[in-house]
């Protein structure tokens, strides 16, 4: 059969699940807690990655020529 008949789709059995309001709220609360925990874990991973990336960038930046002289005289210019 290429196309299902309208009759078949109209009388297809439906599934109904009855849940108490308390159980529904508990399930919603559990889902929210799990979402929050997943977000916290992701934030922690991103912070670790940010820290390591920042350290890598600092390693790759060239040292400023004459920085020690600027430190001695309190100068801040690059000249």
C-alpha atoms as a PDB file:
ATOM      1  CA  UNK A   1       0.000   0.000   0.000  1.00  0.00           C
ATOM      2  CA  UNK A   2       1.588   3.261  -1.108  1.00  0.00           C
ATOM      3  CA  UNK A   3      -0.580   5.659   0.819  1.00  0.00           C
ATOM      4  CA  UNK A   4      -2.192   4.795   4.145  1.00  0.00           C
ATOM      5  CA  UNK A   5      -5.895   5.363   4.074  1.00  0.00           C
ATOM      6  CA  UNK A   6      -7.537   8.122   6.037  1.00  0.00           C
ATOM      7  CA  UNK A   7      -9.609   5.475   7.764  1.00  0.00           C
ATOM      8  CA  UNK A   8      -6.486   3.716   9.125  1.00  0.00           C
ATOM      9  CA  UNK A   9      -4.910   6.878  10.486  1.00  0.00           C
ATOM     10  CA  UNK A  10      -8.173   8.105  12.019  1.00  0.00           C
ATOM     11  CA  UNK A  11      -8.795   4.928  13.994  1.00  0.00           C
ATOM     12  CA  UNK A  12      -5.189   4.246  14.992  1.00  0.00           C
ATOM     13  CA  UNK A  13      -4.928   3.510  18.714  1.00  0.00           C
ATOM     14  CA  UNK A  14      -3.733   6.396  20.837  1.00  0.00           C
ATOM     15  CA  UNK A  15      -1.642   6.137  23.960  1.00  0.00           C
ATOM     16  CA  UNK A  16      -2.707   8.020  27.053  1.00  0.00           C
ATOM     17  CA  UNK A  17      -0.571   8.176  30.177  1.00  0.00           C
ATOM     18  CA  UNK A  18      -2.117   9.480  33.372  1.00  0.00           C
ATOM     19  CA  UNK A  19       0.275  11.023  35.884  1.00  0.00           C
ATOM     20  CA  UNK A  20      -0.491  12.779  39.130  1.00  0.00           C
ATOM     21  CA  UNK A  21       0.373  16.448  39.344  1.00  0.00           C
ATOM     22  CA  UNK A  22       2.877  15.756  42.127  1.00  0.00           C
ATOM     23  CA  UNK A  23       4.727  13.225  40.002  1.00  0.00           C
ATOM     24  CA  UNK A  24       4.701  15.607  37.053  1.00  0.00           C
ATOM     25  CA  UNK A  25       6.166  18.427  39.161  1.00  0.00           C
ATOM     26  CA  UNK A  26       8.775  16.077  40.624  1.00  0.00           C
ATOM     27  CA  UNK A  27       9.786  14.951  37.134  1.00  0.00           C
ATOM     28  CA  UNK A  28      10.012  18.564  35.943  1.00  0.00           C
ATOM     29  CA  UNK A  29      12.108  19.506  38.984  1.00  0.00           C
ATOM     30  CA  UNK A  30      14.430  16.548  38.397  1.00  0.00           C
ATOM     31  CA  UNK A  31      14.846  17.523  34.755  1.00  0.00           C
ATOM     32  CA  UNK A  32      15.668  21.124  35.737  1.00  0.00           C
ATOM     33  CA  UNK A  33      18.243  19.936  38.294  1.00  0.00           C
ATOM     34  CA  UNK A  34      19.875  17.730  35.671  1.00  0.00           C
ATOM     35  CA  UNK A  35      19.972  20.661  33.221  1.00  0.00           C
ATOM     36  CA  UNK A  36      21.552  22.873  35.882  1.00  0.00           C
ATOM     37  CA  UNK A  37      24.134  20.229  36.726  1.00  0.00           C
ATOM     38  CA  UNK A  38      24.989  19.807  33.028  1.00  0.00           C
ATOM     39  CA  UNK A  39      25.396  23.578  32.681  1.00  0.00           C
ATOM     40  CA  UNK A  40      27.615  23.769  35.763  1.00  0.00           C
ATOM     41  CA  UNK A  41      29.805  20.972  34.380  1.00  0.00           C
ATOM     42  CA  UNK A  42      30.051  22.708  31.020  1.00  0.00           C
ATOM     43  CA  UNK A  43      30.921  26.038  32.658  1.00  0.00           C
ATOM     44  CA  UNK A  44      33.677  24.312  34.656  1.00  0.00           C
ATOM     45  CA  UNK A  45      35.071  22.718  31.493  1.00  0.00           C
ATOM     46  CA  UNK A  46      35.003  26.038  29.647  1.00  0.00           C
ATOM     47  CA  UNK A  47      36.720  27.859  32.532  1.00  0.00           C
ATOM     48  CA  UNK A  48      39.508  25.260  32.568  1.00  0.00           C
ATOM     49  CA  UNK A  49      39.889  25.566  28.808  1.00  0.00           C
ATOM     50  CA  UNK A  50      39.913  29.377  29.036  1.00  0.00           C
ATOM     51  CA  UNK A  51      42.641  29.280  31.677  1.00  0.00           C
ATOM     52  CA  UNK A  52      44.816  26.928  29.649  1.00  0.00           C
ATOM     53  CA  UNK A  53      44.272  28.950  26.479  1.00  0.00           C
ATOM     54  CA  UNK A  54      45.166  32.164  28.265  1.00  0.00           C
ATOM     55  CA  UNK A  55      48.380  30.587  29.577  1.00  0.00           C
ATOM     56  CA  UNK A  56      49.224  29.388  26.066  1.00  0.00           C
ATOM     57  CA  UNK A  57      48.690  32.868  24.648  1.00  0.00           C
ATOM     58  CA  UNK A  58      50.948  34.389  27.295  1.00  0.00           C
ATOM     59  CA  UNK A  59      53.673  31.869  26.441  1.00  0.00           C
ATOM     60  CA  UNK A  60      53.440  32.733  22.754  1.00  0.00           C
ATOM     61  CA  UNK A  61      53.543  36.515  23.196  1.00  0.00           C
ATOM     62  CA  UNK A  62      57.003  37.933  22.599  1.00  0.00           C
ATOM     63  CA  UNK A  63      58.731  39.435  25.591  1.00  0.00           C
ATOM     64  CA  UNK A  64      58.782  43.234  25.505  1.00  0.00           C
ATOM     65  CA  UNK A  65      62.243  44.568  24.768  1.00  0.00           C
ATOM     66  CA  UNK A  66      63.331  46.968  27.489  1.00  0.00           C
ATOM     67  CA  UNK A  67      60.601  45.904  29.897  1.00  0.00           C
ATOM     68  CA  UNK A  68      63.110  45.663  32.710  1.00  0.00           C
ATOM     69  CA  UNK A  69      64.217  49.266  32.070  1.00  0.00           C
ATOM     70  CA  UNK A  70      60.618  50.486  32.136  1.00  0.00           C
ATOM     71  CA  UNK A  71      60.136  48.730  35.438  1.00  0.00           C
ATOM     72  CA  UNK A  72      63.166  50.494  36.898  1.00  0.00           C
ATOM     73  CA  UNK A  73      62.193  54.014  35.849  1.00  0.00           C
ATOM     74  CA  UNK A  74      58.407  53.547  36.103  1.00  0.00           C
ATOM     75  CA  UNK A  75      57.952  54.297  32.414  1.00  0.00           C
ATOM     76  CA  UNK A  76      55.070  52.839  30.433  1.00  0.00           C
ATOM     77  CA  UNK A  77      55.861  53.876  26.876  1.00  0.00           C
ATOM     78  CA  UNK A  78      57.354  51.591  24.231  1.00  0.00           C
ATOM     79  CA  UNK A  79      59.970  54.059  23.023  1.00  0.00           C
END
